[in-house]
All heavy atoms as atom14 arrays in JSON, in Angstrom:
{
  "sequence": "GIVGLPNVGKSTLFNALTSSQAAQSANYPFCTIEPN",
  "atom14_mask": [
    [1, 1, 1, 1, 0, 0, 0, 0, 0, 0, 0, 0, 0, 0],
    [1, 1, 1, 1, 1, 1, 1, 1, 0, 0, 0, 0, 0, 0],
    [1, 1, 1, 1, 1, 1, 1, 0, 0, 0, 0, 0, 0, 0],
    [1, 1, 1, 1, 0, 0, 0, 0, 0, 0, 0, 0, 0, 0],
    [1, 1, 1, 1, 1, 1, 1, 1, 0, 0, 0, 0, 0, 0],
    [1, 1, 1, 1, 1, 1, 1, 0, 0, 0, 0, 0, 0, 0],
    [1, 1, 1, 1, 1, 1, 1, 1, 0, 0, 0, 0, 0, 0],
    [1, 1, 1, 1, 1, 1, 1, 0, 0, 0, 0, 0, 0, 0],
    [1, 1, 1, 1, 0, 0, 0, 0, 0, 0, 0, 0, 0, 0],
    [1, 1, 1, 1, 1, 1, 1, 1, 1, 0, 0, 0, 0, 0],
    [1, 1, 1, 1, 1, 1, 0, 0, 0, 0, 0, 0, 0, 0],
    [1, 1, 1, 1, 1, 1, 1, 0, 0, 0, 0, 0, 0, 0],
    [1, 1, 1, 1, 1, 1, 1, 1, 0, 0, 0, 0, 0, 0],
    [1, 1, 1, 1, 1, 1, 1, 1, 1, 1, 1, 0, 0, 0],
    [1, 1, 1, 1, 1, 1, 1, 1, 0, 0, 0, 0, 0, 0],
    [1, 1, 1, 1, 1, 0, 0, 0, 0, 0, 0, 0, 0, 0],
    [1, 1, 1, 1, 1, 1, 1, 1, 0, 0, 0, 0, 0, 0],
    [1, 1, 1, 1, 1, 1, 1, 0, 0, 0, 0, 0, 0, 0],
    [1, 1, 1, 1, 1, 1, 0, 0, 0, 0, 0, 0, 0, 0],
    [1, 1, 1, 1, 1, 1, 0, 0, 0, 0, 0, 0, 0, 0],
    [1, 1, 1, 1, 1, 1, 1, 1, 1, 0, 0, 0, 0, 0],
    [1, 1, 1, 1, 1, 0, 0, 0, 0, 0, 0, 0, 0, 0],
    [1, 1, 1, 1, 1, 0, 0, 0, 0, 0, 0, 0, 0, 0],
    [1, 1, 1, 1, 1, 1, 1, 1, 1, 0, 0, 0, 0, 0],
    [1, 1, 1, 1, 1, 1, 0, 0, 0, 0, 0, 0, 0, 0],
    [1, 1, 1, 1, 1, 0, 0, 0, 0, 0, 0, 0, 0, 0],
    [1, 1, 1, 1, 1, 1, 1, 1, 0, 0, 0, 0, 0, 0],
    [1, 1, 1, 1, 1, 1, 1, 1, 1, 1, 1, 1, 0, 0],
    [1, 1, 1, 1, 1, 1, 1, 0, 0, 0, 0, 0, 0, 0],
    [1, 1, 1, 1, 1, 1, 1, 1, 1, 1, 1, 0, 0, 0],
    [1, 1, 1, 1, 1, 1, 0, 0, 0, 0, 0, 0, 0, 0],
    [1, 1, 1, 1, 1, 1, 1, 0, 0, 0, 0, 0, 0, 0],
    [1, 1, 1, 1, 1, 1, 1, 1, 0, 0, 0, 0, 0, 0],
    [1, 1, 1, 1, 1, 1, 1, 1, 1, 0, 0, 0, 0, 0],
    [1, 1, 1, 1, 1, 1, 1, 0, 0, 0, 0, 0, 0, 0],
    [1, 1, 1, 1, 1, 1, 1, 1, 0, 0, 0, 0, 0, 0]
  ],
  "atom14_positions": [
    [[7.88, -3.84, 9.43], [6.82, -2.92, 9.05], [7.26, -2.07, 7.87], [8.35, -1.52, 7.85], [0.0, 0.0, 0.0], [0.0, 0.0, 0.0], [0.0, 0.0, 0.0], [0.0, 0.0, 0.0], [0.0, 0.0, 0.0], [0.0, 0.0, 0.0], [0.0, 0.0, 0.0], [0.0, 0.0, 0.0], [0.0, 0.0, 0.0], [0.0, 0.0, 0.0]],
    [[6.4, -1.99, 6.85], [6.68, -1.17, 5.67], [6.09, 0.22, 5.92], [4.88, 0.36, 6.09], [6.07, -1.79, 4.41], [6.61, -3.2, 4.19], [6.36, -0.92, 3.19], [6.0, -3.93, 3.0], [0.0, 0.0, 0.0], [0.0, 0.0, 0.0], [0.0, 0.0, 0.0], [0.0, 0.0, 0.0], [0.0, 0.0, 0.0], [0.0, 0.0, 0.0]],
    [[6.96, 1.23, 5.97], [6.52, 2.59, 6.25], [6.96, 3.53, 5.13], [7.77, 3.17, 4.27], [7.06, 3.1, 7.61], [6.74, 2.13, 8.73], [8.57, 3.33, 7.54], [0.0, 0.0, 0.0], [0.0, 0.0, 0.0], [0.0, 0.0, 0.0], [0.0, 0.0, 0.0], [0.0, 0.0, 0.0], [0.0, 0.0, 0.0], [0.0, 0.0, 0.0]],
    [[6.45, 4.74, 5.18], [6.82, 5.74, 4.2], [5.79, 6.85, 4.16], [4.71, 6.74, 4.74], [0.0, 0.0, 0.0], [0.0, 0.0, 0.0], [0.0, 0.0, 0.0], [0.0, 0.0, 0.0], [0.0, 0.0, 0.0], [0.0, 0.0, 0.0], [0.0, 0.0, 0.0], [0.0, 0.0, 0.0], [0.0, 0.0, 0.0], [0.0, 0.0, 0.0]],
    [[6.11, 7.92, 3.46], [5.15, 8.98, 3.24], [4.03, 8.46, 2.34], [4.2, 7.44, 1.67], [5.83, 10.18, 2.59], [6.91, 10.91, 3.4], [7.54, 12.01, 2.57], [6.32, 11.49, 4.68], [0.0, 0.0, 0.0], [0.0, 0.0, 0.0], [0.0, 0.0, 0.0], [0.0, 0.0, 0.0], [0.0, 0.0, 0.0], [0.0, 0.0, 0.0]],
    [[2.9, 9.15, 2.27], [1.86, 8.73, 1.35], [2.36, 8.78, -0.1], [3.2, 9.6, -0.46], [0.76, 9.78, 1.58], [1.0, 10.3, 2.95], [2.49, 10.29, 3.11], [0.0, 0.0, 0.0], [0.0, 0.0, 0.0], [0.0, 0.0, 0.0], [0.0, 0.0, 0.0], [0.0, 0.0, 0.0], [0.0, 0.0, 0.0], [0.0, 0.0, 0.0]],
    [[1.82, 7.9, -0.92], [2.07, 7.9, -2.37], [3.53, 7.62, -2.77], [4.01, 8.12, -3.77], [1.64, 9.23, -3.0], [0.15, 9.47, -2.86], [-0.63, 8.53, -2.7], [-0.26, 10.72, -2.89], [0.0, 0.0, 0.0], [0.0, 0.0, 0.0], [0.0, 0.0, 0.0], [0.0, 0.0, 0.0], [0.0, 0.0, 0.0], [0.0, 0.0, 0.0]],
    [[4.22, 6.81, -1.96], [5.58, 6.43, -2.35], [5.63, 5.01, -2.91], [6.66, 4.55, -3.38], [6.57, 6.54, -1.16], [6.67, 7.97, -0.67], [6.16, 5.6, -0.01], [0.0, 0.0, 0.0], [0.0, 0.0, 0.0], [0.0, 0.0, 0.0], [0.0, 0.0, 0.0], [0.0, 0.0, 0.0], [0.0, 0.0, 0.0], [0.0, 0.0, 0.0]],
    [[4.5, 4.3, -2.87], [4.45, 2.94, -3.43], [4.44, 1.83, -2.4], [4.69, 0.67, -2.74], [0.0, 0.0, 0.0], [0.0, 0.0, 0.0], [0.0, 0.0, 0.0], [0.0, 0.0, 0.0], [0.0, 0.0, 0.0], [0.0, 0.0, 0.0], [0.0, 0.0, 0.0], [0.0, 0.0, 0.0], [0.0, 0.0, 0.0], [0.0, 0.0, 0.0]],
    [[4.13, 2.15, -1.14], [4.16, 1.13, -0.09], [3.2, -0.02, -0.37], [3.57, -1.19, -0.28], [3.82, 1.73, 1.27], [4.83, 2.68, 1.84], [4.48, 3.1, 3.25], [3.16, 3.81, 3.34], [1.96, 2.96, 3.33], [0.0, 0.0, 0.0], [0.0, 0.0, 0.0], [0.0, 0.0, 0.0], [0.0, 0.0, 0.0], [0.0, 0.0, 0.0]],
    [[1.94, 0.33, -0.64], [0.94, -0.71, -0.83], [1.19, -1.52, -2.1], [0.96, -2.73, -2.15], [-0.47, -0.1, -0.85], [-0.77, 0.43, 0.43], [0.0, 0.0, 0.0], [0.0, 0.0, 0.0], [0.0, 0.0, 0.0], [0.0, 0.0, 0.0], [0.0, 0.0, 0.0], [0.0, 0.0, 0.0], [0.0, 0.0, 0.0], [0.0, 0.0, 0.0]],
    [[1.68, -0.83, -3.15], [2.04, -1.54, -4.38], [3.14, -2.56, -4.08], [3.08, -3.71, -4.52], [2.53, -0.55, -5.45], [1.5, 0.39, -5.72], [2.9, -1.28, -6.74], [0.0, 0.0, 0.0], [0.0, 0.0, 0.0], [0.0, 0.0, 0.0], [0.0, 0.0, 0.0], [0.0, 0.0, 0.0], [0.0, 0.0, 0.0], [0.0, 0.0, 0.0]],
    [[4.13, -2.14, -3.3], [5.23, -3.03, -2.92], [4.71, -4.18, -2.08], [5.06, -5.34, -2.31], [6.29, -2.24, -2.17], [7.49, -3.05, -1.66], [8.33, -3.53, -2.83], [8.34, -2.22, -0.69], [0.0, 0.0, 0.0], [0.0, 0.0, 0.0], [0.0, 0.0, 0.0], [0.0, 0.0, 0.0], [0.0, 0.0, 0.0], [0.0, 0.0, 0.0]],
    [[3.87, -3.88, -1.1], [3.33, -4.92, -0.23], [2.54, -5.94, -1.03], [2.68, -7.16, -0.85], [2.45, -4.29, 0.85], [1.77, -5.28, 1.74], [2.44, -5.83, 2.82], [0.45, -5.67, 1.49], [1.8, -6.75, 3.65], [-0.18, -6.59, 2.31], [0.49, -7.13, 3.4], [0.0, 0.0, 0.0], [0.0, 0.0, 0.0], [0.0, 0.0, 0.0]],
    [[1.7, -5.46, -1.93], [0.88, -6.36, -2.75], [1.76, -7.25, -3.62], [1.47, -8.44, -3.8], [-0.09, -5.57, -3.62], [-1.19, -4.92, -2.8], [-1.49, -5.36, -1.69], [-1.78, -3.87, -3.33], [0.0, 0.0, 0.0], [0.0, 0.0, 0.0], [0.0, 0.0, 0.0], [0.0, 0.0, 0.0], [0.0, 0.0, 0.0], [0.0, 0.0, 0.0]],
    [[2.83, -6.68, -4.15], [3.74, -7.48, -4.97], [4.47, -8.51, -4.12], [4.6, -9.68, -4.5], [4.75, -6.56, -5.66], [0.0, 0.0, 0.0], [0.0, 0.0, 0.0], [0.0, 0.0, 0.0], [0.0, 0.0, 0.0], [0.0, 0.0, 0.0], [0.0, 0.0, 0.0], [0.0, 0.0, 0.0], [0.0, 0.0, 0.0], [0.0, 0.0, 0.0]],
    [[4.93, -8.11, -2.94], [5.64, -9.02, -2.05], [4.78, -10.2, -1.65], [5.25, -11.33, -1.54], [6.11, -8.28, -0.8], [7.44, -7.53, -0.89], [7.58, -6.55, 0.26], [8.62, -8.49, -0.91], [0.0, 0.0, 0.0], [0.0, 0.0, 0.0], [0.0, 0.0, 0.0], [0.0, 0.0, 0.0], [0.0, 0.0, 0.0], [0.0, 0.0, 0.0]],
    [[3.54, -9.96, -1.4], [2.64, -11.02, -0.95], [1.84, -11.61, -2.1], [0.91, -12.4, -1.86], [1.69, -10.47, 0.13], [0.97, -9.35, -0.41], [2.44, -10.03, 1.35], [0.0, 0.0, 0.0], [0.0, 0.0, 0.0], [0.0, 0.0, 0.0], [0.0, 0.0, 0.0], [0.0, 0.0, 0.0], [0.0, 0.0, 0.0], [0.0, 0.0, 0.0]],
    [[2.22, -11.25, -3.34], [1.52, -11.72, -4.55], [0.03, -11.45, -4.46], [-0.8, -12.24, -4.92], [1.77, -13.22, -4.76], [3.12, -13.46, -5.0], [0.0, 0.0, 0.0], [0.0, 0.0, 0.0], [0.0, 0.0, 0.0], [0.0, 0.0, 0.0], [0.0, 0.0, 0.0], [0.0, 0.0, 0.0], [0.0, 0.0, 0.0], [0.0, 0.0, 0.0]],
    [[-0.3, -10.32, -3.84], [-1.7, -9.95, -3.69], [-2.28, -9.47, -5.01], [-1.6, -8.82, -5.8], [-1.83, -8.83, -2.65], [-3.15, -8.32, -2.62], [0.0, 0.0, 0.0], [0.0, 0.0, 0.0], [0.0, 0.0, 0.0], [0.0, 0.0, 0.0], [0.0, 0.0, 0.0], [0.0, 0.0, 0.0], [0.0, 0.0, 0.0], [0.0, 0.0, 0.0]],
    [[-3.53, -9.82, -5.27], [-4.21, -9.36, -6.48], [-5.19, -8.22, -6.15], [-6.04, -7.88, -6.97], [-4.99, -10.52, -7.12], [-4.13, -11.72, -7.44], [-2.98, -11.37, -8.36], [-3.18, -10.76, -9.4], [-1.77, -11.75, -7.98], [0.0, 0.0, 0.0], [0.0, 0.0, 0.0], [0.0, 0.0, 0.0], [0.0, 0.0, 0.0], [0.0, 0.0, 0.0]],
    [[-5.03, -7.66, -4.95], [-5.95, -6.6, -4.54], [-5.81, -5.39, -5.44], [-4.74, -5.13, -6.0], [-5.66, -6.21, -3.09], [0.0, 0.0, 0.0], [0.0, 0.0, 0.0], [0.0, 0.0, 0.0], [0.0, 0.0, 0.0], [0.0, 0.0, 0.0], [0.0, 0.0, 0.0], [0.0, 0.0, 0.0], [0.0, 0.0, 0.0], [0.0, 0.0, 0.0]],
    [[-6.86, -4.66, -5.59], [-6.83, -3.45, -6.41], [-5.86, -2.43, -5.81], [-5.68, -2.38, -4.6], [-8.23, -2.85, -6.48], [0.0, 0.0, 0.0], [0.0, 0.0, 0.0], [0.0, 0.0, 0.0], [0.0, 0.0, 0.0], [0.0, 0.0, 0.0], [0.0, 0.0, 0.0], [0.0, 0.0, 0.0], [0.0, 0.0, 0.0], [0.0, 0.0, 0.0]],
    [[-5.25, -1.65, -6.67], [-4.3, -0.65, -6.21], [-5.04, 0.44, -5.43], [-6.19, 0.78, -5.73], [-3.58, -0.02, -7.41], [-2.72, -1.0, -8.18], [-1.64, -1.61, -7.3], [-0.91, -0.89, -6.64], [-1.56, -2.92, -7.27], [0.0, 0.0, 0.0], [0.0, 0.0, 0.0], [0.0, 0.0, 0.0], [0.0, 0.0, 0.0], [0.0, 0.0, 0.0]],
    [[-4.36, 0.99, -4.44], [-4.97, 2.01, -3.61], [-5.14, 3.32, -4.4], [-4.41, 3.58, -5.34], [-4.08, 2.28, -2.39], [-3.92, 1.11, -1.63], [0.0, 0.0, 0.0], [0.0, 0.0, 0.0], [0.0, 0.0, 0.0], [0.0, 0.0, 0.0], [0.0, 0.0, 0.0], [0.0, 0.0, 0.0], [0.0, 0.0, 0.0], [0.0, 0.0, 0.0]],
    [[-6.09, 4.12, -3.96], [-6.31, 5.41, -4.61], [-5.13, 6.35, -4.33], [-4.4, 6.18, -3.36], [-7.6, 6.02, -4.07], [0.0, 0.0, 0.0], [0.0, 0.0, 0.0], [0.0, 0.0, 0.0], [0.0, 0.0, 0.0], [0.0, 0.0, 0.0], [0.0, 0.0, 0.0], [0.0, 0.0, 0.0], [0.0, 0.0, 0.0], [0.0, 0.0, 0.0]],
    [[-4.97, 7.33, -5.17], [-3.82, 8.24, -5.09], [-4.11, 9.39, -4.13], [-4.3, 10.53, -4.53], [-3.52, 8.76, -6.51], [-2.32, 9.69, -6.5], [-1.48, 9.63, -5.61], [-2.26, 10.58, -7.47], [0.0, 0.0, 0.0], [0.0, 0.0, 0.0], [0.0, 0.0, 0.0], [0.0, 0.0, 0.0], [0.0, 0.0, 0.0], [0.0, 0.0, 0.0]],
    [[-4.19, 9.05, -2.82], [-4.34, 10.09, -1.83], [-3.85, 9.55, -0.48], [-3.8, 8.34, -0.28], [-5.8, 10.57, -1.72], [-6.8, 9.49, -1.41], [-7.08, 9.13, -0.1], [-7.47, 8.83, -2.44], [-8.01, 8.14, 0.19], [-8.41, 7.83, -2.15], [-8.66, 7.5, -0.83], [-9.58, 6.52, -0.56], [0.0, 0.0, 0.0], [0.0, 0.0, 0.0]],
    [[-3.46, 10.43, 0.46], [-2.93, 9.99, 1.75], [-3.95, 9.2, 2.57], [-5.15, 9.34, 2.38], [-2.56, 11.3, 2.45], [-2.4, 12.29, 1.36], [-3.4, 11.88, 0.3], [0.0, 0.0, 0.0], [0.0, 0.0, 0.0], [0.0, 0.0, 0.0], [0.0, 0.0, 0.0], [0.0, 0.0, 0.0], [0.0, 0.0, 0.0], [0.0, 0.0, 0.0]],
    [[-3.42, 8.37, 3.49], [-4.21, 7.63, 4.47], [-5.15, 6.62, 3.84], [-6.22, 6.33, 4.35], [-5.02, 8.59, 5.37], [-4.28, 9.82, 5.74], [-4.81, 11.07, 5.5], [-3.01, 9.74, 6.29], [-4.1, 12.22, 5.83], [-2.3, 10.88, 6.62], [-2.85, 12.12, 6.39], [0.0, 0.0, 0.0], [0.0, 0.0, 0.0], [0.0, 0.0, 0.0]],
    [[-4.76, 6.07, 2.69], [-5.62, 5.11, 2.01], [-5.66, 3.77, 2.75], [-6.58, 3.0, 2.56], [-5.18, 4.91, 0.56], [-3.46, 4.47, 0.39], [0.0, 0.0, 0.0], [0.0, 0.0, 0.0], [0.0, 0.0, 0.0], [0.0, 0.0, 0.0], [0.0, 0.0, 0.0], [0.0, 0.0, 0.0], [0.0, 0.0, 0.0], [0.0, 0.0, 0.0]],
    [[-4.66, 3.51, 3.58], [-4.64, 2.26, 4.35], [-4.85, 2.62, 5.82], [-3.95, 3.14, 6.45], [-3.29, 1.53, 4.17], [-2.98, 1.46, 2.79], [-3.34, 0.15, 4.77], [0.0, 0.0, 0.0], [0.0, 0.0, 0.0], [0.0, 0.0, 0.0], [0.0, 0.0, 0.0], [0.0, 0.0, 0.0], [0.0, 0.0, 0.0], [0.0, 0.0, 0.0]],
    [[-6.02, 2.34, 6.34], [-6.33, 2.76, 7.71], [-5.81, 1.74, 8.73], [-5.21, 2.1, 9.73], [-7.84, 2.97, 7.88], [-8.32, 4.05, 6.9], [-8.17, 3.39, 9.31], [-7.59, 5.38, 7.03], [0.0, 0.0, 0.0], [0.0, 0.0, 0.0], [0.0, 0.0, 0.0], [0.0, 0.0, 0.0], [0.0, 0.0, 0.0], [0.0, 0.0, 0.0]],
    [[-6.03, 0.48, 8.47], [-5.5, -0.58, 9.33], [-4.33, -1.24, 8.62], [-4.32, -1.37, 7.39], [-6.57, -1.63, 9.64], [-7.76, -1.09, 10.43], [-7.36, -0.66, 11.83], [-6.33, -1.15, 12.34], [-8.09, 0.16, 12.43], [0.0, 0.0, 0.0], [0.0, 0.0, 0.0], [0.0, 0.0, 0.0], [0.0, 0.0, 0.0], [0.0, 0.0, 0.0]],
    [[-3.31, -1.67, 9.36], [-2.17, -2.3, 8.69], [-2.55, -3.64, 8.09], [-3.26, -4.42, 8.69], [-1.14, -2.49, 9.82], [-1.97, -2.55, 11.07], [-3.14, -1.65, 10.83], [0.0, 0.0, 0.0], [0.0, 0.0, 0.0], [0.0, 0.0, 0.0], [0.0, 0.0, 0.0], [0.0, 0.0, 0.0], [0.0, 0.0, 0.0], [0.0, 0.0, 0.0]],
    [[-2.1, -3.88, 6.87], [-2.27, -5.19, 6.24], [-1.09, -6.05, 6.61], [0.04, -5.56, 6.74], [-2.36, -5.03, 4.72], [-3.63, -4.3, 4.3], [-4.71, -4.67, 4.71], [-3.47, -3.26, 3.51], [0.0, 0.0, 0.0], [0.0, 0.0, 0.0], [0.0, 0.0, 0.0], [0.0, 0.0, 0.0], [0.0, 0.0, 0.0], [0.0, 0.0, 0.0]]
  ]
}
């Protein structure tokens, strides 16, 4: 599981790891409600 405080780059890292082309998350806490 990839964890961290908000806005540390978790989703950016996850998208890169999985070669995801999804749009980057907005710059605010709790942007990912369900785990990807």
